[in-house]
């Protein structure tokens, strides 16, 4: 088990352009064009090198991000 702070990582990733208004993920969630979790995982996967994420981290962080967007009810 890693000692990564997934919540902090998710919060940092959510500052990326893809997650801001008019960003790729933001639009997908807002417009419900496809499965929100799939678009989130895709974006997080693309950033995995930047944030030094392992394959297992992507799903955990994506779930946290989805919950944050759901709680905000875009």
PDB file of N, CA and C in Angstrom:
ATOM      1  N   UNK A   1       0.854  -1.188   0.000  1.00  0.00           N
ATOM      2  CA  UNK A   1       0.000   0.000   0.000  1.00  0.00           C
ATOM      3  C   UNK A   1       0.893   1.243   0.000  1.00  0.00           C
ATOM      4  N   UNK A   2       0.609   2.153  -0.881  1.00  0.00           N
ATOM      5  CA  UNK A   2       1.442   3.342  -0.960  1.00  0.00           C
ATOM      6  C   UNK A   2       0.986   4.384   0.068  1.00  0.00           C
ATOM      7  N   UNK A   3       1.863   5.324   0.322  1.00  0.00           N
ATOM      8  CA  UNK A   3       1.562   6.380   1.280  1.00  0.00           C
ATOM      9  C   UNK A   3       1.148   7.663   0.586  1.00  0.00           C
ATOM     10  N   UNK A   4       0.642   7.551  -0.623  1.00  0.00           N
ATOM     11  CA  UNK A   4       0.251   8.732  -1.376  1.00  0.00           C
ATOM     12  C   UNK A   4      -1.014   9.348  -0.799  1.00  0.00           C
ATOM     13  N   UNK A   5      -1.062  10.663  -0.843  1.00  0.00           N
ATOM     14  CA  UNK A   5      -2.248  11.396  -0.414  1.00  0.00           C
ATOM     15  C   UNK A   5      -3.135  11.579  -1.647  1.00  0.00           C
ATOM     16  N   UNK A   6      -4.037  10.626  -1.842  1.00  0.00           N
ATOM     17  CA  UNK A   6      -4.864  10.622  -3.057  1.00  0.00           C
ATOM     18  C   UNK A   6      -5.757  11.848  -3.154  1.00  0.00           C
ATOM     19  N   UNK A   7      -6.257  12.311  -2.028  1.00  0.00           N
ATOM     20  CA  UNK A   7      -7.123  13.492  -2.047  1.00  0.00           C
ATOM     21  C   UNK A   7      -6.344  14.715  -2.524  1.00  0.00           C
ATOM     22  N   UNK A   8      -5.132  14.874  -2.026  1.00  0.00           N
ATOM     23  CA  UNK A   8      -4.292  16.005  -2.440  1.00  0.00           C
ATOM     24  C   UNK A   8      -3.920  15.891  -3.915  1.00  0.00           C
ATOM     25  N   UNK A   9      -3.611  14.688  -4.364  1.00  0.00           N
ATOM     26  CA  UNK A   9      -3.294  14.479  -5.776  1.00  0.00           C
ATOM     27  C   UNK A   9      -4.509  14.801  -6.651  1.00  0.00           C
ATOM     28  N   UNK A  10      -5.683  14.346  -6.235  1.00  0.00           N
ATOM     29  CA  UNK A  10      -6.907  14.618  -6.992  1.00  0.00           C
ATOM     30  C   UNK A  10      -7.168  16.120  -7.060  1.00  0.00           C
ATOM     31  N   UNK A  11      -6.973  16.806  -5.945  1.00  0.00           N
ATOM     32  CA  UNK A  11      -7.187  18.254  -5.924  1.00  0.00           C
ATOM     33  C   UNK A  11      -6.212  18.967  -6.843  1.00  0.00           C
ATOM     34  N   UNK A  12      -4.969  18.511  -6.875  1.00  0.00           N
ATOM     35  CA  UNK A  12      -3.968  19.114  -7.766  1.00  0.00           C
ATOM     36  C   UNK A  12      -4.331  18.865  -9.228  1.00  0.00           C
ATOM     37  N   UNK A  13      -4.724  17.650  -9.544  1.00  0.00           N
ATOM     38  CA  UNK A  13      -5.087  17.300 -10.911  1.00  0.00           C
ATOM     39  C   UNK A  13      -6.311  18.100 -11.366  1.00  0.00           C
ATOM     40  N   UNK A  14      -7.229  18.339 -10.458  1.00  0.00           N
ATOM     41  CA  UNK A  14      -8.443  19.084 -10.816  1.00  0.00           C
ATOM     42  C   UNK A  14      -8.166  20.547 -11.155  1.00  0.00           C
ATOM     43  N   UNK A  15      -6.947  21.026 -10.896  1.00  0.00           N
ATOM     44  CA  UNK A  15      -6.595  22.394 -11.295  1.00  0.00           C
ATOM     45  C   UNK A  15      -6.118  22.454 -12.741  1.00  0.00           C
ATOM     46  N   UNK A  16      -5.917  21.282 -13.349  1.00  0.00           N
ATOM     47  CA  UNK A  16      -5.465  21.221 -14.738  1.00  0.00           C
ATOM     48  C   UNK A  16      -6.573  21.711 -15.679  1.00  0.00           C
ATOM     49  N   UNK A  17      -6.195  22.243 -16.838  1.00  0.00           N
ATOM     50  CA  UNK A  17      -7.183  22.809 -17.778  1.00  0.00           C
ATOM     51  C   UNK A  17      -8.325  21.860 -18.162  1.00  0.00           C
ATOM     52  N   UNK A  18      -8.053  20.574 -18.247  1.00  0.00           N
ATOM     53  CA  UNK A  18      -9.084  19.607 -18.644  1.00  0.00           C
ATOM     54  C   UNK A  18     -10.268  19.586 -17.682  1.00  0.00           C
ATOM     55  N   UNK A  19     -10.018  19.956 -16.431  1.00  0.00           N
ATOM     56  CA  UNK A  19     -11.045  19.871 -15.395  1.00  0.00           C
ATOM     57  C   UNK A  19     -11.716  21.212 -15.090  1.00  0.00           C
ATOM     58  N   UNK A  20     -11.241  22.261 -15.693  1.00  0.00           N
ATOM     59  CA  UNK A  20     -11.821  23.588 -15.485  1.00  0.00           C
ATOM     60  C   UNK A  20     -12.982  23.798 -16.450  1.00  0.00           C
ATOM     61  N   UNK A  21     -13.834  24.803 -16.190  1.00  0.00           N
ATOM     62  CA  UNK A  21     -14.927  25.098 -17.124  1.00  0.00           C
ATOM     63  C   UNK A  21     -14.399  25.221 -18.555  1.00  0.00           C
ATOM     64  N   UNK A  22     -15.118  24.598 -19.466  1.00  0.00           N
ATOM     65  CA  UNK A  22     -14.779  24.516 -20.891  1.00  0.00           C
ATOM     66  C   UNK A  22     -13.665  23.520 -21.201  1.00  0.00           C
ATOM     67  N   UNK A  23     -13.148  22.851 -20.184  1.00  0.00           N
ATOM     68  CA  UNK A  23     -12.142  21.817 -20.416  1.00  0.00           C
ATOM     69  C   UNK A  23     -12.801  20.518 -20.861  1.00  0.00           C
ATOM     70  N   UNK A  24     -12.000  19.619 -21.404  1.00  0.00           N
ATOM     71  CA  UNK A  24     -12.468  18.342 -21.942  1.00  0.00           C
ATOM     72  C   UNK A  24     -13.341  17.567 -20.951  1.00  0.00           C
ATOM     73  N   UNK A  25     -12.828  17.321 -19.777  1.00  0.00           N
ATOM     74  CA  UNK A  25     -13.561  16.521 -18.785  1.00  0.00           C
ATOM     75  C   UNK A  25     -14.778  17.281 -18.273  1.00  0.00           C
ATOM     76  N   UNK A  26     -14.589  18.547 -17.977  1.00  0.00           N
ATOM     77  CA  UNK A  26     -15.687  19.381 -17.472  1.00  0.00           C
ATOM     78  C   UNK A  26     -16.874  19.331 -18.428  1.00  0.00           C
ATOM     79  N   UNK A  27     -16.600  19.503 -19.727  1.00  0.00           N
ATOM     80  CA  UNK A  27     -17.678  19.490 -20.726  1.00  0.00           C
ATOM     81  C   UNK A  27     -18.371  18.132 -20.782  1.00  0.00           C
ATOM     82  N   UNK A  28     -17.582  17.054 -20.742  1.00  0.00           N
ATOM     83  CA  UNK A  28     -18.178  15.719 -20.796  1.00  0.00           C
ATOM     84  C   UNK A  28     -19.119  15.477 -19.617  1.00  0.00           C
ATOM     85  N   UNK A  29     -18.709  15.905 -18.455  1.00  0.00           N
ATOM     86  CA  UNK A  29     -19.543  15.704 -17.273  1.00  0.00           C
ATOM     87  C   UNK A  29     -20.785  16.586 -17.345  1.00  0.00           C
ATOM     88  N   UNK A  30     -20.593  17.833 -17.706  1.00  0.00           N
ATOM     89  CA  UNK A  30     -21.703  18.778 -17.756  1.00  0.00           C
ATOM     90  C   UNK A  30     -22.746  18.372 -18.798  1.00  0.00           C
ATOM     91  N   UNK A  31     -22.277  17.931 -19.964  1.00  0.00           N
ATOM     92  CA  UNK A  31     -23.177  17.597 -21.063  1.00  0.00           C
ATOM     93  C   UNK A  31     -23.608  16.133 -21.060  1.00  0.00           C
ATOM     94  N   UNK A  32     -23.036  15.354 -20.164  1.00  0.00           N
ATOM     95  CA  UNK A  32     -23.357  13.928 -20.048  1.00  0.00           C
ATOM     96  C   UNK A  32     -23.256  13.219 -21.398  1.00  0.00           C
ATOM     97  N   UNK A  33     -22.211  13.539 -22.140  1.00  0.00           N
ATOM     98  CA  UNK A  33     -22.009  12.949 -23.469  1.00  0.00           C
ATOM     99  C   UNK A  33     -21.601  11.485 -23.399  1.00  0.00           C
ATOM    100  N   UNK A  34     -20.861  11.143 -22.388  1.00  0.00           N
ATOM    101  CA  UNK A  34     -20.406   9.758 -22.227  1.00  0.00           C
ATOM    102  C   UNK A  34     -20.220   9.493 -20.744  1.00  0.00           C
ATOM    103  N   UNK A  35     -19.776   8.302 -20.433  1.00  0.00           N
ATOM    104  CA  UNK A  35     -19.535   7.938 -19.046  1.00  0.00           C
ATOM    105  C   UNK A  35     -18.487   8.885 -18.455  1.00  0.00           C
ATOM    106  N   UNK A  36     -18.867   9.627 -17.453  1.00  0.00           N
ATOM    107  CA  UNK A  36     -17.975  10.619 -16.835  1.00  0.00           C
ATOM    108  C   UNK A  36     -16.687   9.998 -16.321  1.00  0.00           C
ATOM    109  N   UNK A  37     -16.805   8.823 -15.719  1.00  0.00           N
ATOM    110  CA  UNK A  37     -15.625   8.181 -15.142  1.00  0.00           C
ATOM    111  C   UNK A  37     -14.607   7.828 -16.230  1.00  0.00           C
ATOM    112  N   UNK A  38     -15.087   7.453 -17.407  1.00  0.00           N
ATOM    113  CA  UNK A  38     -14.182   7.109 -18.507  1.00  0.00           C
ATOM    114  C   UNK A  38     -13.378   8.337 -18.937  1.00  0.00           C
ATOM    115  N   UNK A  39     -14.038   9.482 -19.070  1.00  0.00           N
ATOM    116  CA  UNK A  39     -13.315  10.691 -19.475  1.00  0.00           C
ATOM    117  C   UNK A  39     -12.342  11.145 -18.390  1.00  0.00           C
ATOM    118  N   UNK A  40     -12.732  10.991 -17.136  1.00  0.00           N
ATOM    119  CA  UNK A  40     -11.833  11.345 -16.031  1.00  0.00           C
ATOM    120  C   UNK A  40     -10.614  10.436 -16.035  1.00  0.00           C
ATOM    121  N   UNK A  41     -10.842   9.119 -16.144  1.00  0.00           N
ATOM    122  CA  UNK A  41      -9.720   8.169 -16.143  1.00  0.00           C
ATOM    123  C   UNK A  41      -8.774   8.439 -17.309  1.00  0.00           C
ATOM    124  N   UNK A  42      -9.319   8.774 -18.451  1.00  0.00           N
ATOM    125  CA  UNK A  42      -8.496   9.078 -19.619  1.00  0.00           C
ATOM    126  C   UNK A  42      -7.594  10.281 -19.349  1.00  0.00           C
ATOM    127  N   UNK A  43      -8.172  11.336 -18.791  1.00  0.00           N
ATOM    128  CA  UNK A  43      -7.392  12.537 -18.494  1.00  0.00           C
ATOM    129  C   UNK A  43      -6.336  12.266 -17.415  1.00  0.00           C
ATOM    130  N   UNK A  44      -6.734  11.543 -16.368  1.00  0.00           N
ATOM    131  CA  UNK A  44      -5.788  11.229 -15.289  1.00  0.00           C
ATOM    132  C   UNK A  44      -4.663  10.347 -15.822  1.00  0.00           C
ATOM    133  N   UNK A  45      -5.013   9.384 -16.660  1.00  0.00           N
ATOM    134  CA  UNK A  45      -4.004   8.508 -17.263  1.00  0.00           C
ATOM    135  C   UNK A  45      -3.000   9.325 -18.080  1.00  0.00           C
ATOM    136  N   UNK A  46      -3.500  10.302 -18.833  1.00  0.00           N
ATOM    137  CA  UNK A  46      -2.615  11.155 -19.629  1.00  0.00           C
ATOM    138  C   UNK A  46      -1.671  11.973 -18.762  1.00  0.00           C
ATOM    139  N   UNK A  47      -2.059  12.228 -17.524  1.00  0.00           N
ATOM    140  CA  UNK A  47      -1.239  13.028 -16.605  1.00  0.00           C
ATOM    141  C   UNK A  47      -0.414  12.160 -15.655  1.00  0.00           C
ATOM    142  N   UNK A  48      -0.471  10.854 -15.818  1.00  0.00           N
ATOM    143  CA  UNK A  48       0.161   9.958 -14.846  1.00  0.00           C
ATOM    144  C   UNK A  48       1.668  10.186 -14.722  1.00  0.00           C
ATOM    145  N   UNK A  49       2.344  10.487 -15.820  1.00  0.00           N
ATOM    146  CA  UNK A  49       3.784  10.754 -15.727  1.00  0.00           C
ATOM    147  C   UNK A  49       4.056  12.050 -14.975  1.00  0.00           C
ATOM    148  N   UNK A  50       3.260  13.061 -15.271  1.00  0.00           N
ATOM    149  CA  UNK A  50       3.429  14.365 -14.634  1.00  0.00           C
ATOM    150  C   UNK A  50       3.279  14.277 -13.115  1.00  0.00           C
ATOM    151  N   UNK A  51       2.335  13.449 -12.661  1.00  0.00           N
ATOM    152  CA  UNK A  51       2.057  13.332 -11.227  1.00  0.00           C
ATOM    153  C   UNK A  51       2.640  12.059 -10.607  1.00  0.00           C
ATOM    154  N   UNK A  52       3.465  11.341 -11.373  1.00  0.00           N
ATOM    155  CA  UNK A  52       4.124  10.123 -10.891  1.00  0.00           C
ATOM    156  C   UNK A  52       3.119   9.118 -10.331  1.00  0.00           C
ATOM    157  N   UNK A  53       2.107   8.814 -11.141  1.00  0.00           N
ATOM    158  CA  UNK A  53       1.055   7.889 -10.720  1.00  0.00           C
ATOM    159  C   UNK A  53       1.324   6.480 -11.235  1.00  0.00           C
ATOM    160  N   UNK A  54       0.989   5.510 -10.416  1.00  0.00           N
ATOM    161  CA  UNK A  54       1.027   4.117 -10.818  1.00  0.00           C
ATOM    162  C   UNK A  54      -0.320   3.762 -11.430  1.00  0.00           C
ATOM    163  N   UNK A  55      -0.397   2.674 -12.129  1.00  0.00           N
ATOM    164  CA  UNK A  55      -1.640   2.226 -12.766  1.00  0.00           C
ATOM    165  C   UNK A  55      -2.774   2.127 -11.747  1.00  0.00           C
ATOM    166  N   UNK A  56      -2.497   1.596 -10.566  1.00  0.00           N
ATOM    167  CA  UNK A  56      -3.531   1.444  -9.522  1.00  0.00           C
ATOM    168  C   UNK A  56      -4.032   2.786  -8.996  1.00  0.00           C
ATOM    169  N   UNK A  57      -3.188   3.808  -9.047  1.00  0.00           N
ATOM    170  CA  UNK A  57      -3.561   5.129  -8.536  1.00  0.00           C
ATOM    171  C   UNK A  57      -4.641   5.789  -9.392  1.00  0.00           C
ATOM    172  N   UNK A  58      -4.622   5.513 -10.677  1.00  0.00           N
ATOM    173  CA  UNK A  58      -5.511   6.206 -11.618  1.00  0.00           C
ATOM    174  C   UNK A  58      -6.985   6.008 -11.264  1.00  0.00           C
ATOM    175  N   UNK A  59      -7.385   4.785 -10.982  1.00  0.00           N
ATOM    176  CA  UNK A  59      -8.773   4.502 -10.625  1.00  0.00           C
ATOM    177  C   UNK A  59      -9.189   5.164  -9.326  1.00  0.00           C
ATOM    178  N   UNK A  60      -8.311   5.116  -8.341  1.00  0.00           N
ATOM    179  CA  UNK A  60      -8.614   5.700  -7.028  1.00  0.00           C
ATOM    180  C   UNK A  60      -8.794   7.211  -7.166  1.00  0.00           C
ATOM    181  N   UNK A  61      -7.858   7.853  -7.832  1.00  0.00           N
ATOM    182  CA  UNK A  61      -7.913   9.308  -8.005  1.00  0.00           C
ATOM    183  C   UNK A  61      -9.104   9.700  -8.870  1.00  0.00           C
ATOM    184  N   UNK A  62      -9.381   8.930  -9.903  1.00  0.00           N
ATOM    185  CA  UNK A  62     -10.526   9.218 -10.779  1.00  0.00           C
ATOM    186  C   UNK A  62     -11.834   9.164 -10.009  1.00  0.00           C
ATOM    187  N   UNK A  63     -11.968   8.198  -9.116  1.00  0.00           N
ATOM    188  CA  UNK A  63     -13.178   8.096  -8.290  1.00  0.00           C
ATOM    189  C   UNK A  63     -13.337   9.320  -7.380  1.00  0.00           C
ATOM    190  N   UNK A  64     -12.228   9.783  -6.816  1.00  0.00           N
ATOM    191  CA  UNK A  64     -12.267  10.971  -5.946  1.00  0.00           C
ATOM    192  C   UNK A  64     -12.699  12.192  -6.760  1.00  0.00           C
ATOM    193  N   UNK A  65     -12.146  12.328  -7.963  1.00  0.00           N
ATOM    194  CA  UNK A  65     -12.495  13.464  -8.822  1.00  0.00           C
ATOM    195  C   UNK A  65     -13.956  13.401  -9.235  1.00  0.00           C
ATOM    196  N   UNK A  66     -14.433  12.218  -9.608  1.00  0.00           N
ATOM    197  CA  UNK A  66     -15.842  12.070  -9.987  1.00  0.00           C
ATOM    198  C   UNK A  66     -16.752  12.469  -8.832  1.00  0.00           C
ATOM    199  N   UNK A  67     -16.412  12.033  -7.629  1.00  0.00           N
ATOM    200  CA  UNK A  67     -17.222  12.391  -6.458  1.00  0.00           C
ATOM    201  C   UNK A  67     -17.208  13.899  -6.248  1.00  0.00           C
ATOM    202  N   UNK A  68     -16.068  14.533  -6.427  1.00  0.00           N
ATOM    203  CA  UNK A  68     -15.980  15.986  -6.253  1.00  0.00           C
ATOM    204  C   UNK A  68     -16.878  16.692  -7.272  1.00  0.00           C
ATOM    205  N   UNK A  69     -16.856  16.245  -8.516  1.00  0.00           N
ATOM    206  CA  UNK A  69     -17.726  16.848  -9.536  1.00  0.00           C
ATOM    207  C   UNK A  69     -19.195  16.565  -9.234  1.00  0.00           C
ATOM    208  N   UNK A  70     -19.505  15.359  -8.785  1.00  0.00           N
ATOM    209  CA  UNK A  70     -20.883  14.995  -8.465  1.00  0.00           C
ATOM    210  C   UNK A  70     -21.407  15.828  -7.301  1.00  0.00           C
ATOM    211  N   UNK A  71     -20.555  16.035  -6.307  1.00  0.00           N
ATOM    212  CA  UNK A  71     -20.955  16.844  -5.148  1.00  0.00           C
ATOM    213  C   UNK A  71     -21.212  18.288  -5.524  1.00  0.00           C
ATOM    214  N   UNK A  72     -20.479  18.796  -6.531  1.00  0.00           N
ATOM    215  CA  UNK A  72     -20.690  20.158  -7.001  1.00  0.00           C
ATOM    216  C   UNK A  72     -21.914  20.267  -7.901  1.00  0.00           C
ATOM    217  N   UNK A  73     -22.344  19.113  -8.435  1.00  0.00           N
ATOM    218  CA  UNK A  73     -23.507  19.018  -9.321  1.00  0.00           C
ATOM    219  C   UNK A  73     -23.455  20.044 -10.457  1.00  0.00           C
ATOM    220  N   UNK A  74     -22.513  19.810 -11.339  1.00  0.00           N
ATOM    221  CA  UNK A  74     -22.335  20.708 -12.494  1.00  0.00           C
ATOM    222  C   UNK A  74     -23.601  20.842 -13.302  1.00  0.00           C
TER     223      UNK A  74
END
